[in-house]
Amino acid sequence: MGEERDTEGPPGVPGGYRERASRLAGAALWTRTALPSDRPVLPDGCTDLIWSEGRLLVAGQDTGPHLPEGVVPGTRYVGLRFAPGQGPAVFGVPARELRDRRVPLADLWPAGRVRALSGRLAAAGERGGGGGVGRLLEETAGARLQDAAAAGDRIAAVAAALARGRPVAEVARSVALSERQLHRLSLDAFGYGPKTLTRVLRLVRALDLARSGMPGAQVAALAGYADQAHLAREVKSLAGAPMGALLAPG
């Protein structure tokens, strides 16, 4: 199931945060308590299914920093964050329709089905807290993913290749698609075109390396940037703040 970690969140992840690997490959279960000084959520190519205050919400993949508005400090959340490309099979809509949006699950699934699931989640929360809710979110999403396993293999291969920085034309050939077909697949699966997804996944890798204390020039080289100036421009463009601000404590 993965190892839990208690933290106020790495840079770009809101505070009061706890995460563990999900039983669904590539996904993560998380809980958090909203803090008065929550930081923006940074782009990571992922979508989330979130349970909070008796409501089910879908968080689409972001193209820039997202700071939730009107959240009361102390509000509790339980979420299942999907690997890039997993979410559309669960939610039943192309990822491009969720990009930069927060949508009630009832807008995507039949209302009766969402009411029934909400009732089960409420009961699970009373019995087992966030852990019970998380397990039920996993079961619900896992059943949906099983129905799309074949298509999911191709999507996972595309995401893995782009994360390694492979050229778009090469990725298209590797999955037997034209570049135009790959672009359509990427919009439906990830919400971004392949070039944008490459930038987002490269940013995620760069932030992970920087959090380890690695010098900026080495981060740039290992993450696939032309140089440290290129890294700085991309961080500012996608995250809305320089690297130093993202890594600062608090």
C-alpha atoms as a PDB file:
ATOM      1  CA  MET A   1       0.000   0.000   0.000  1.00  0.00           C
ATOM      2  CA  GLY A   2       2.965   2.326   0.278  1.00  0.00           C
ATOM      3  CA  GLU A   3       4.537   4.230   3.102  1.00  0.00           C
ATOM      4  CA  GLU A   4       2.690   7.149   4.689  1.00  0.00           C
ATOM      5  CA  ARG A   5       4.367  10.459   5.297  1.00  0.00           C
ATOM      6  CA  ASP A   6       3.243  13.317   7.536  1.00  0.00           C
ATOM      7  CA  THR A   7       4.214  16.728   6.260  1.00  0.00           C
ATOM      8  CA  GLU A   8       3.021  20.260   5.742  1.00  0.00           C
ATOM      9  CA  GLY A   9       3.547  19.465   2.106  1.00  0.00           C
ATOM     10  CA  PRO A  10       6.442  19.891  -0.295  1.00  0.00           C
ATOM     11  CA  PRO A  11       6.638  23.185  -2.202  1.00  0.00           C
ATOM     12  CA  GLY A  12       3.483  23.603  -4.253  1.00  0.00           C
ATOM     13  CA  VAL A  13       1.427  21.168  -2.179  1.00  0.00           C
ATOM     14  CA  PRO A  14      -1.032  22.647   0.339  1.00  0.00           C
ATOM     15  CA  GLY A  15      -0.273  22.271   4.029  1.00  0.00           C
ATOM     16  CA  GLY A  16      -1.518  19.748   6.585  1.00  0.00           C
ATOM     17  CA  TYR A  17      -0.825  17.052   4.003  1.00  0.00           C
ATOM     18  CA  ARG A  18      -0.444  13.273   4.277  1.00  0.00           C
ATOM     19  CA  GLU A  19       0.076  10.883   1.365  1.00  0.00           C
ATOM     20  CA  ARG A  20       0.636   7.218   0.603  1.00  0.00           C
ATOM     21  CA  ALA A  21       0.876   5.110  -2.527  1.00  0.00           C
ATOM     22  CA  SER A  22      -2.427   3.689  -3.727  1.00  0.00           C
ATOM     23  CA  ARG A  23      -3.215   0.111  -4.619  1.00  0.00           C
ATOM     24  CA  LEU A  24      -3.930   1.523  -8.099  1.00  0.00           C
ATOM     25  CA  ALA A  25      -0.635   1.612  -9.979  1.00  0.00           C
ATOM     26  CA  GLY A  26       0.704   5.143 -10.261  1.00  0.00           C
ATOM     27  CA  ALA A  27      -2.003   6.715  -8.090  1.00  0.00           C
ATOM     28  CA  ALA A  28      -1.714   8.179  -4.592  1.00  0.00           C
ATOM     29  CA  LEU A  29      -4.144   8.525  -1.708  1.00  0.00           C
ATOM     30  CA  TRP A  30      -3.902  11.745   0.269  1.00  0.00           C
ATOM     31  CA  THR A  31      -5.563  13.641   3.076  1.00  0.00           C
ATOM     32  CA  ARG A  32      -5.106  17.226   4.088  1.00  0.00           C
ATOM     33  CA  THR A  33      -6.438  19.832   6.460  1.00  0.00           C
ATOM     34  CA  ALA A  34      -6.697  23.326   4.997  1.00  0.00           C
ATOM     35  CA  LEU A  35      -4.409  25.855   6.674  1.00  0.00           C
ATOM     36  CA  PRO A  36      -4.699  29.670   6.693  1.00  0.00           C
ATOM     37  CA  SER A  37      -1.463  29.936   4.688  1.00  0.00           C
ATOM     38  CA  ASP A  38      -1.987  27.196   2.100  1.00  0.00           C
ATOM     39  CA  ARG A  39       0.241  27.488  -0.956  1.00  0.00           C
ATOM     40  CA  PRO A  40      -0.988  27.123  -4.540  1.00  0.00           C
ATOM     41  CA  VAL A  41      -1.130  23.655  -6.091  1.00  0.00           C
ATOM     42  CA  LEU A  42       1.352  23.416  -8.970  1.00  0.00           C
ATOM     43  CA  PRO A  43       0.786  21.634 -12.308  1.00  0.00           C
ATOM     44  CA  ASP A  44       1.638  17.923 -12.229  1.00  0.00           C
ATOM     45  CA  GLY A  45      -0.390  16.451 -15.096  1.00  0.00           C
ATOM     46  CA  CYS A  46      -2.696  14.659 -12.658  1.00  0.00           C
ATOM     47  CA  THR A  47      -6.423  14.623 -11.933  1.00  0.00           C
ATOM     48  CA  ASP A  48      -7.942  13.973  -8.494  1.00  0.00           C
ATOM     49  CA  LEU A  49     -11.168  12.576  -7.081  1.00  0.00           C
ATOM     50  CA  ILE A  50     -11.786  14.441  -3.805  1.00  0.00           C
ATOM     51  CA  TRP A  51     -14.195  13.880  -0.909  1.00  0.00           C
ATOM     52  CA  SER A  52     -14.804  16.830   1.427  1.00  0.00           C
ATOM     53  CA  GLU A  53     -17.711  18.106   3.497  1.00  0.00           C
ATOM     54  CA  GLY A  54     -20.060  15.480   2.051  1.00  0.00           C
ATOM     55  CA  ARG A  55     -19.239  16.366  -1.572  1.00  0.00           C
ATOM     56  CA  LEU A  56     -17.370  14.602  -4.371  1.00  0.00           C
ATOM     57  CA  LEU A  57     -15.253  16.878  -6.531  1.00  0.00           C
ATOM     58  CA  VAL A  58     -13.070  16.276  -9.570  1.00  0.00           C
ATOM     59  CA  ALA A  59      -9.914  18.394  -9.863  1.00  0.00           C
ATOM     60  CA  GLY A  60      -8.672  18.615 -13.424  1.00  0.00           C
ATOM     61  CA  GLN A  61      -5.054  18.901 -14.490  1.00  0.00           C
ATOM     62  CA  ASP A  62      -3.699  22.439 -14.161  1.00  0.00           C
ATOM     63  CA  THR A  63      -1.693  24.521 -16.591  1.00  0.00           C
ATOM     64  CA  GLY A  64      -0.580  26.993 -13.886  1.00  0.00           C
ATOM     65  CA  PRO A  65      -0.658  27.456 -10.101  1.00  0.00           C
ATOM     66  CA  HIS A  66      -4.086  26.940  -8.513  1.00  0.00           C
ATOM     67  CA  LEU A  67      -5.069  28.425  -5.141  1.00  0.00           C
ATOM     68  CA  PRO A  68      -8.512  27.297  -3.931  1.00  0.00           C
ATOM     69  CA  GLU A  69     -10.740  30.216  -2.998  1.00  0.00           C
ATOM     70  CA  GLY A  70     -13.090  30.457  -0.039  1.00  0.00           C
ATOM     71  CA  VAL A  71     -11.706  27.402   1.770  1.00  0.00           C
ATOM     72  CA  VAL A  72     -12.251  27.526   5.523  1.00  0.00           C
ATOM     73  CA  PRO A  73      -9.117  26.629   7.538  1.00  0.00           C
ATOM     74  CA  GLY A  74      -9.616  23.253   9.176  1.00  0.00           C
ATOM     75  CA  THR A  75     -11.613  21.815   6.249  1.00  0.00           C
ATOM     76  CA  ARG A  76     -10.680  18.153   5.757  1.00  0.00           C
ATOM     77  CA  TYR A  77     -10.105  16.500   2.391  1.00  0.00           C
ATOM     78  CA  VAL A  78      -9.523  12.915   1.275  1.00  0.00           C
ATOM     79  CA  GLY A  79      -8.368  12.500  -2.314  1.00  0.00           C
ATOM     80  CA  LEU A  80      -7.231   9.949  -4.836  1.00  0.00           C
ATOM     81  CA  ARG A  81      -4.731  11.461  -7.275  1.00  0.00           C
ATOM     82  CA  PHE A  82      -4.446   9.586 -10.558  1.00  0.00           C
ATOM     83  CA  ALA A  83      -1.326   9.200 -12.659  1.00  0.00           C
ATOM     84  CA  PRO A  84      -1.339  11.246 -15.871  1.00  0.00           C
ATOM     85  CA  GLY A  85      -3.805   9.637 -18.276  1.00  0.00           C
ATOM     86  CA  GLN A  86      -5.748   7.568 -15.689  1.00  0.00           C
ATOM     87  CA  GLY A  87      -8.448  10.090 -14.843  1.00  0.00           C
ATOM     88  CA  PRO A  88     -10.481  10.106 -18.073  1.00  0.00           C
ATOM     89  CA  ALA A  89     -11.192   6.372 -17.791  1.00  0.00           C
ATOM     90  CA  VAL A  90     -12.548   6.950 -14.289  1.00  0.00           C
ATOM     91  CA  PHE A  91     -14.543  10.106 -14.963  1.00  0.00           C
ATOM     92  CA  GLY A  92     -15.798   9.182 -18.424  1.00  0.00           C
ATOM     93  CA  VAL A  93     -14.837  12.448 -20.151  1.00  0.00           C
ATOM     94  CA  PRO A  94     -11.787  13.547 -22.156  1.00  0.00           C
ATOM     95  CA  ALA A  95      -9.149  15.189 -19.991  1.00  0.00           C
ATOM     96  CA  ARG A  96      -9.286  18.377 -22.060  1.00  0.00           C
ATOM     97  CA  GLU A  97     -12.789  19.009 -20.640  1.00  0.00           C
ATOM     98  CA  LEU A  98     -11.352  19.064 -17.105  1.00  0.00           C
ATOM     99  CA  ARG A  99      -8.264  21.182 -17.709  1.00  0.00           C
ATOM    100  CA  ASP A 100      -7.923  23.997 -15.122  1.00  0.00           C
ATOM    101  CA  ARG A 101     -11.359  23.155 -13.666  1.00  0.00           C
ATOM    102  CA  ARG A 102     -12.866  21.849 -10.399  1.00  0.00           C
ATOM    103  CA  VAL A 103     -16.112  20.029 -11.191  1.00  0.00           C
ATOM    104  CA  PRO A 104     -18.694  18.227  -9.024  1.00  0.00           C
ATOM    105  CA  LEU A 105     -18.632  14.514  -9.842  1.00  0.00           C
ATOM    106  CA  ALA A 106     -22.410  14.734 -10.265  1.00  0.00           C
ATOM    107  CA  ASP A 107     -21.778  16.812 -13.410  1.00  0.00           C
ATOM    108  CA  LEU A 108     -19.965  13.828 -14.948  1.00  0.00           C
ATOM    109  CA  TRP A 109     -21.762  10.776 -13.544  1.00  0.00           C
ATOM    110  CA  PRO A 110     -25.490  10.065 -13.099  1.00  0.00           C
ATOM    111  CA  ALA A 111     -26.781  11.919 -10.045  1.00  0.00           C
ATOM    112  CA  GLY A 112     -28.233   8.778  -8.458  1.00  0.00           C
ATOM    113  CA  ARG A 113     -24.923   6.989  -8.698  1.00  0.00           C
ATOM    114  CA  VAL A 114     -23.112   9.893  -7.082  1.00  0.00           C
ATOM    115  CA  ARG A 115     -25.687  10.091  -4.263  1.00  0.00           C
ATOM    116  CA  ALA A 116     -25.262   6.383  -3.558  1.00  0.00           C
ATOM    117  CA  LEU A 117     -21.468   6.665  -3.525  1.00  0.00           C
ATOM    118  CA  SER A 118     -21.642   9.759  -1.303  1.00  0.00           C
ATOM    119  CA  GLY A 119     -23.757   7.867   1.202  1.00  0.00           C
ATOM    120  CA  ARG A 120     -21.261   5.014   1.302  1.00  0.00           C
ATOM    121  CA  LEU A 121     -18.362   7.453   1.707  1.00  0.00           C
ATOM    122  CA  ALA A 122     -20.094   9.235   4.572  1.00  0.00           C
ATOM    123  CA  ALA A 123     -20.660   5.912   6.338  1.00  0.00           C
ATOM    124  CA  ALA A 124     -17.044   4.839   5.663  1.00  0.00           C
ATOM    125  CA  GLY A 125     -15.803   8.108   7.132  1.00  0.00           C
ATOM    126  CA  GLU A 126     -17.797   7.561  10.308  1.00  0.00           C
ATOM    127  CA  ARG A 127     -16.442   4.020  10.678  1.00  0.00           C
ATOM    128  CA  GLY A 128     -12.847   4.394   9.602  1.00  0.00           C
ATOM    129  CA  GLY A 129     -12.044   8.058   9.020  1.00  0.00           C
ATOM    130  CA  GLY A 130      -9.927   9.000   6.028  1.00  0.00           C
ATOM    131  CA  GLY A 131      -8.622   5.456   5.613  1.00  0.00           C
ATOM    132  CA  GLY A 132     -12.075   4.030   5.032  1.00  0.00           C
ATOM    133  CA  VAL A 133     -12.943   6.783   2.591  1.00  0.00           C
ATOM    134  CA  GLY A 134      -9.684   6.260   0.717  1.00  0.00           C
ATOM    135  CA  ARG A 135     -10.272   2.537   0.312  1.00  0.00           C
ATOM    136  CA  LEU A 136     -13.728   3.145  -1.104  1.00  0.00           C
ATOM    137  CA  LEU A 137     -12.398   5.745  -3.548  1.00  0.00           C
ATOM    138  CA  GLU A 138      -9.815   3.181  -4.692  1.00  0.00           C
ATOM    139  CA  GLU A 139     -12.443   0.469  -5.160  1.00  0.00           C
ATOM    140  CA  THR A 140     -14.681   2.778  -7.157  1.00  0.00           C
ATOM    141  CA  ALA A 141     -11.903   4.011  -9.426  1.00  0.00           C
ATOM    142  CA  GLY A 142     -10.366   0.555  -9.806  1.00  0.00           C
ATOM    143  CA  ALA A 143     -13.588  -0.883 -11.183  1.00  0.00           C
ATOM    144  CA  ARG A 144     -13.726   1.877 -13.788  1.00  0.00           C
ATOM    145  CA  LEU A 145     -10.079   1.418 -14.753  1.00  0.00           C
ATOM    146  CA  GLN A 146     -10.490  -2.313 -15.351  1.00  0.00           C
ATOM    147  CA  ASP A 147     -12.906  -1.552 -18.169  1.00  0.00           C
ATOM    148  CA  ALA A 148     -10.291   0.563 -19.941  1.00  0.00           C
ATOM    149  CA  ALA A 149      -7.159  -1.513 -19.349  1.00  0.00           C
ATOM    150  CA  ALA A 150      -6.134  -1.965 -22.993  1.00  0.00           C
ATOM    151  CA  ALA A 151      -6.341   1.718 -23.857  1.00  0.00           C
ATOM    152  CA  GLY A 152      -4.633   2.500 -20.556  1.00  0.00           C
ATOM    153  CA  ASP A 153      -1.511   0.572 -21.592  1.00  0.00           C
ATOM    154  CA  ARG A 154      -0.975   2.841 -24.596  1.00  0.00           C
ATOM    155  CA  ILE A 155      -1.644   5.975 -22.532  1.00  0.00           C
ATOM    156  CA  ALA A 156       0.809   4.875 -19.845  1.00  0.00           C
ATOM    157  CA  ALA A 157       3.457   4.217 -22.505  1.00  0.00           C
ATOM    158  CA  VAL A 158       2.996   7.716 -23.940  1.00  0.00           C
ATOM    159  CA  ALA A 159       3.216   9.340 -20.492  1.00  0.00           C
ATOM    160  CA  ALA A 160       6.357   7.385 -19.602  1.00  0.00           C
ATOM    161  CA  ALA A 161       8.077   8.264 -22.879  1.00  0.00           C
ATOM    162  CA  LEU A 162       7.247  11.960 -22.620  1.00  0.00           C
ATOM    163  CA  ALA A 163       8.400  12.002 -18.985  1.00  0.00           C
ATOM    164  CA  ARG A 164      11.785  10.765 -20.216  1.00  0.00           C
ATOM    165  CA  GLY A 165      11.908  13.676 -22.661  1.00  0.00           C
ATOM    166  CA  ARG A 166      11.638  11.640 -25.846  1.00  0.00           C
ATOM    167  CA  PRO A 167      10.755  13.690 -28.973  1.00  0.00           C
ATOM    168  CA  VAL A 168       7.082  13.779 -29.913  1.00  0.00           C
ATOM    169  CA  ALA A 169       7.667  12.196 -33.334  1.00  0.00           C
ATOM    170  CA  GLU A 170       9.572   9.313 -31.739  1.00  0.00           C
ATOM    171  CA  VAL A 171       6.834   8.781 -29.137  1.00  0.00           C
ATOM    172  CA  ALA A 172       4.172   8.730 -31.857  1.00  0.00           C
ATOM    173  CA  ARG A 173       6.062   6.068 -33.805  1.00  0.00           C
ATOM    174  CA  SER A 174       6.566   3.973 -30.671  1.00  0.00           C
ATOM    175  CA  VAL A 175       2.796   3.647 -30.158  1.00  0.00           C
ATOM    176  CA  ALA A 176       1.952   3.319 -33.873  1.00  0.00           C
ATOM    177  CA  LEU A 177       0.275   6.717 -34.206  1.00  0.00           C
ATOM    178  CA  SER A 178       0.789   9.750 -36.382  1.00  0.00           C
ATOM    179  CA  GLU A 179       1.782  12.952 -34.595  1.00  0.00           C
ATOM    180  CA  ARG A 180      -1.717  14.326 -35.184  1.00  0.00           C
ATOM    181  CA  GLN A 181      -3.273  11.180 -33.682  1.00  0.00           C
ATOM    182  CA  LEU A 182      -0.904  11.411 -30.730  1.00  0.00           C
ATOM    183  CA  HIS A 183      -1.945  15.033 -30.183  1.00  0.00           C
ATOM    184  CA  ARG A 184      -5.642  14.036 -30.093  1.00  0.00           C
ATOM    185  CA  LEU A 185      -4.902  11.113 -27.774  1.00  0.00           C
ATOM    186  CA  SER A 186      -2.931  13.408 -25.472  1.00  0.00           C
ATOM    187  CA  LEU A 187      -5.714  15.993 -25.262  1.00  0.00           C
ATOM    188  CA  ASP A 188      -8.253  13.277 -24.411  1.00  0.00           C
ATOM    189  CA  ALA A 189      -6.027  11.406 -21.961  1.00  0.00           C
ATOM    190  CA  PHE A 190      -3.981  14.156 -20.304  1.00  0.00           C
ATOM    191  CA  GLY A 191      -5.778  17.406 -21.096  1.00  0.00           C
ATOM    192  CA  TYR A 192      -2.598  18.767 -22.701  1.00  0.00           C
ATOM    193  CA  GLY A 193      -0.887  18.277 -26.024  1.00  0.00           C
ATOM    194  CA  PRO A 194       2.265  16.130 -25.809  1.00  0.00           C
ATOM    195  CA  LYS A 195       4.641  19.111 -25.773  1.00  0.00           C
ATOM    196  CA  THR A 196       2.815  20.741 -22.857  1.00  0.00           C
ATOM    197  CA  LEU A 197       2.696  17.457 -20.947  1.00  0.00           C
ATOM    198  CA  THR A 198       6.441  17.100 -21.471  1.00  0.00           C
ATOM    199  CA  ARG A 199       6.980  20.558 -19.939  1.00  0.00           C
ATOM    200  CA  VAL A 200       4.736  19.768 -16.948  1.00  0.00           C
ATOM    201  CA  LEU A 201       6.356  16.400 -16.214  1.00  0.00           C
ATOM    202  CA  ARG A 202       9.818  17.941 -16.590  1.00  0.00           C
ATOM    203  CA  LEU A 203       8.813  20.594 -14.028  1.00  0.00           C
ATOM    204  CA  VAL A 204       7.672  17.877 -11.597  1.00  0.00           C
ATOM    205  CA  ARG A 205      11.032  16.129 -11.953  1.00  0.00           C
ATOM    206  CA  ALA A 206      12.975  19.375 -11.515  1.00  0.00           C
ATOM    207  CA  LEU A 207      11.096  20.243  -8.318  1.00  0.00           C
ATOM    208  CA  ASP A 208      11.702  16.764  -6.913  1.00  0.00           C
ATOM    209  CA  LEU A 209      15.428  17.098  -7.604  1.00  0.00           C
ATOM    210  CA  ALA A 210      15.588  20.625  -6.184  1.00  0.00           C
ATOM    211  CA  ARG A 211      13.847  19.562  -2.972  1.00  0.00           C
ATOM    212  CA  SER A 212      16.668  17.072  -2.397  1.00  0.00           C
ATOM    213  CA  GLY A 213      19.114  19.981  -2.125  1.00  0.00           C
ATOM    214  CA  MET A 214      20.708  19.495  -5.548  1.00  0.00           C
ATOM    215  CA  PRO A 215      22.322  22.637  -7.052  1.00  0.00           C
ATOM    216  CA  GLY A 216      20.321  24.413  -9.743  1.00  0.00           C
ATOM    217  CA  ALA A 217      22.761  23.744 -12.588  1.00  0.00           C
ATOM    218  CA  GLN A 218      22.676  20.002 -11.843  1.00  0.00           C
ATOM    219  CA  VAL A 219      18.880  20.045 -11.568  1.00  0.00           C
ATOM    220  CA  ALA A 220      18.671  21.681 -14.990  1.00  0.00           C
ATOM    221  CA  ALA A 221      20.981  19.099 -16.578  1.00  0.00           C
ATOM    222  CA  LEU A 222      19.320  16.035 -15.045  1.00  0.00           C
ATOM    223  CA  ALA A 223      15.758  17.228 -15.650  1.00  0.00           C
ATOM    224  CA  GLY A 224      16.439  17.903 -19.320  1.00  0.00           C
ATOM    225  CA  TYR A 225      16.678  21.696 -19.548  1.00  0.00           C
ATOM    226  CA  ALA A 226      19.120  23.435 -21.894  1.00  0.00           C
ATOM    227  CA  ASP A 227      20.686  25.308 -18.972  1.00  0.00           C
ATOM    228  CA  GLN A 228      19.837  26.862 -15.600  1.00  0.00           C
ATOM    229  CA  ALA A 229      18.321  29.965 -17.243  1.00  0.00           C
ATOM    230  CA  HIS A 230      15.960  27.727 -19.222  1.00  0.00           C
ATOM    231  CA  LEU A 231      14.956  25.991 -15.989  1.00  0.00           C
ATOM    232  CA  ALA A 232      14.267  29.339 -14.307  1.00  0.00           C
ATOM    233  CA  ARG A 233      12.066  30.542 -17.189  1.00  0.00           C
ATOM    234  CA  GLU A 234      10.040  27.330 -17.253  1.00  0.00           C
ATOM    235  CA  VAL A 235       9.509  27.306 -13.480  1.00  0.00           C
ATOM    236  CA  LYS A 236       8.290  30.908 -13.536  1.00  0.00           C
ATOM    237  CA  SER A 237       6.042  30.213 -16.544  1.00  0.00           C
ATOM    238  CA  LEU A 238       4.374  27.082 -15.158  1.00  0.00           C
ATOM    239  CA  ALA A 239       4.492  27.691 -11.398  1.00  0.00           C
ATOM    240  CA  GLY A 240       4.043  31.459 -11.316  1.00  0.00           C
ATOM    241  CA  ALA A 241       7.008  31.951  -8.963  1.00  0.00           C
ATOM    242  CA  PRO A 242      10.793  31.469  -9.020  1.00  0.00           C
ATOM    243  CA  MET A 243      12.325  28.242  -7.758  1.00  0.00           C
ATOM    244  CA  GLY A 244      13.608  29.895  -4.558  1.00  0.00           C
ATOM    245  CA  ALA A 245      10.091  30.934  -3.553  1.00  0.00           C
ATOM    246  CA  LEU A 246       8.738  27.442  -4.202  1.00  0.00           C
ATOM    247  CA  LEU A 247      11.422  25.828  -2.051  1.00  0.00           C
ATOM    248  CA  ALA A 248      11.207  28.307   0.815  1.00  0.00           C
ATOM    249  CA  PRO A 249       9.843  26.835   4.084  1.00  0.00           C
ATOM    250  CA  GLY A 250       6.485  27.890   5.473  1.00  0.00           C
END
